[in-house]
Amino acid sequence: MPFRPQFLLPALLLLLPGCFSNNRHQGEKLYVQHCASCHGDQGQGLARLIPPLAGADYLVDHRDELACLLRNGQNEVIVVNGVGYHNIMPGNKGLSPAQLTNLLNYIESHWGNEGAPRTISDVQAQIDKCH
């Protein structure tokens, strides 16, 4: 039987997805694992204790600081949508730049948020500037 290259490409395309991990929903999974217990399933926050992420002006106003905030946490008063929040947020140094990117892209594209997509190199550059 002669070799037929026209059959090779479709076969490779069927096998190719198995070679890569499925990170498509990683941001949502990371949110559920690390954030939802405080910020809520829909990013609604908790009264005046935990700030909302849904429609949060803080995400827009502090976009360049968010990777560091997730990595290092925060223990200062922050103002979100005109309300001051005084609770400590723990950081998560165990998340890779790729995971932080997926998490931020998830948060910034859900619940009325419309942040531009981030790249891993953007997030890595922000992490490099953390103090």
Protein backbone atom coordinates (compact mmCIF):
# COMPACT_ATOMS: atom_id res chain seq x y z
CA MET A 1 0.00 0.00 0.00
CA PRO A 2 1.50 3.39 -1.00
CA PHE A 3 2.18 6.14 1.56
CA ARG A 4 -0.57 8.78 1.49
CA PRO A 5 0.52 12.02 3.15
CA GLN A 6 -2.99 13.50 2.89
CA PHE A 7 -4.05 11.11 5.68
CA LEU A 8 -1.15 12.01 7.95
CA LEU A 9 -2.24 15.56 8.83
CA PRO A 10 -5.77 14.65 9.99
CA ALA A 11 -4.35 11.82 12.11
CA LEU A 12 -1.80 14.15 13.71
CA LEU A 13 -4.46 16.75 14.43
CA LEU A 14 -6.51 14.14 16.25
CA LEU A 15 -3.55 13.06 18.38
CA LEU A 16 -2.05 16.51 19.04
CA PRO A 17 -4.43 17.70 21.81
CA GLY A 18 -3.26 14.82 24.00
CA CYS A 19 0.27 16.24 23.95
CA PHE A 20 -0.69 19.43 25.77
CA SER A 21 -2.25 20.13 29.14
CA ASN A 22 -5.68 21.72 29.17
CA ASN A 23 -5.10 25.16 30.68
CA ARG A 24 -8.21 26.65 29.17
CA HIS A 25 -10.08 26.56 32.47
CA GLN A 26 -7.07 26.83 34.77
CA GLY A 27 -7.91 30.41 35.80
CA GLU A 28 -11.36 29.39 36.97
CA LYS A 29 -9.99 26.35 38.81
CA LEU A 30 -7.35 28.48 40.54
CA TYR A 31 -9.99 31.03 41.50
CA VAL A 32 -12.17 28.35 43.07
CA GLN A 33 -9.18 26.84 44.87
CA HIS A 34 -7.52 30.02 46.15
CA CYS A 35 -9.99 32.92 46.04
CA ALA A 36 -13.66 31.94 46.06
CA SER A 37 -13.83 31.05 49.75
CA CYS A 38 -13.28 34.73 50.58
CA HIS A 39 -14.29 36.68 47.47
CA GLY A 40 -17.32 34.50 46.64
CA ASP A 41 -18.27 32.25 43.77
CA GLN A 42 -19.28 35.24 41.65
CA GLY A 43 -16.63 37.66 42.93
CA GLN A 44 -19.23 39.40 45.09
CA GLY A 45 -17.03 39.71 48.20
CA LEU A 46 -18.46 39.61 51.72
CA ALA A 47 -20.25 42.74 52.97
CA ARG A 48 -17.65 45.20 54.27
CA LEU A 49 -15.21 42.44 55.23
CA ILE A 50 -13.91 41.14 51.89
CA PRO A 51 -13.88 43.37 48.80
CA PRO A 52 -15.76 42.35 45.68
CA LEU A 53 -13.94 41.51 42.49
CA ALA A 54 -17.08 41.81 40.37
CA GLY A 55 -17.13 45.23 38.77
CA ALA A 56 -14.26 46.34 41.02
CA ASP A 57 -12.65 49.65 40.12
CA TYR A 58 -9.57 48.48 42.03
CA LEU A 59 -8.80 45.96 39.28
CA VAL A 60 -8.62 48.76 36.71
CA ASP A 61 -6.95 51.37 38.92
CA HIS A 62 -4.23 48.98 40.18
CA ARG A 63 -3.82 46.69 37.18
CA ASP A 64 -0.02 46.87 37.21
CA GLU A 65 0.09 45.85 40.90
CA LEU A 66 -2.27 42.86 40.83
CA ALA A 67 0.33 40.18 40.08
CA CYS A 68 2.34 41.31 43.11
CA LEU A 69 -0.80 41.51 45.24
CA LEU A 70 -1.67 37.89 44.41
CA ARG A 71 1.91 36.75 44.91
CA ASN A 72 2.66 38.66 48.15
CA GLY A 73 -0.76 39.41 49.61
CA GLN A 74 -1.59 42.70 51.30
CA ASN A 75 -2.18 43.99 54.80
CA GLU A 76 -3.05 47.63 54.17
CA VAL A 77 -6.41 49.32 53.79
CA ILE A 78 -7.62 49.19 50.21
CA VAL A 79 -10.56 51.05 48.71
CA VAL A 80 -12.79 49.20 46.25
CA ASN A 81 -15.75 51.00 44.69
CA GLY A 82 -15.54 53.69 47.37
CA VAL A 83 -15.52 51.29 50.36
CA GLY A 84 -12.47 50.77 52.57
CA TYR A 85 -11.47 47.19 53.44
CA HIS A 86 -9.13 46.48 56.33
CA ASN A 87 -8.61 42.71 56.24
CA ILE A 88 -5.36 40.96 55.43
CA MET A 89 -5.18 39.00 52.19
CA PRO A 90 -2.60 36.20 52.19
CA GLY A 91 -0.29 35.90 49.22
CA ASN A 92 0.37 32.79 47.24
CA LYS A 93 4.03 32.48 46.36
CA GLY A 94 3.45 28.94 45.07
CA LEU A 95 1.66 30.08 41.92
CA SER A 96 3.80 30.19 38.80
CA PRO A 97 3.75 33.21 36.47
CA ALA A 98 1.62 31.15 34.05
CA GLN A 99 -0.87 30.33 36.82
CA LEU A 100 -1.00 33.96 37.96
CA THR A 101 -1.62 34.99 34.36
CA ASN A 102 -4.49 32.54 33.98
CA LEU A 103 -5.97 33.57 37.33
CA LEU A 104 -5.77 37.29 36.54
CA ASN A 105 -7.20 36.75 33.06
CA TYR A 106 -10.12 34.89 34.61
CA ILE A 107 -10.83 37.52 37.27
CA GLU A 108 -10.43 40.41 34.85
CA SER A 109 -12.80 38.93 32.27
CA HIS A 110 -15.71 37.83 34.49
CA TRP A 111 -18.50 39.42 36.52
CA GLY A 112 -18.60 42.62 34.49
CA ASN A 113 -14.84 43.10 34.40
CA GLU A 114 -13.34 43.84 30.99
CA GLY A 115 -9.57 43.87 31.46
CA ALA A 116 -7.33 43.33 28.46
CA PRO A 117 -5.81 39.83 28.34
CA ARG A 118 -2.40 39.47 29.97
CA THR A 119 0.57 37.48 28.78
CA ILE A 120 2.94 35.45 30.93
CA SER A 121 5.78 37.84 30.06
CA ASP A 122 3.66 40.82 31.25
CA VAL A 123 2.96 39.12 34.56
CA GLN A 124 6.59 38.02 34.96
CA ALA A 125 7.73 41.62 34.42
CA GLN A 126 5.32 42.78 37.14
CA ILE A 127 6.52 40.07 39.53
CA ASP A 128 10.14 41.09 38.88
CA LYS A 129 9.24 44.59 40.11
CA CYS A 130 7.56 43.39 43.34
CA HIS A 131 9.07 44.61 46.56
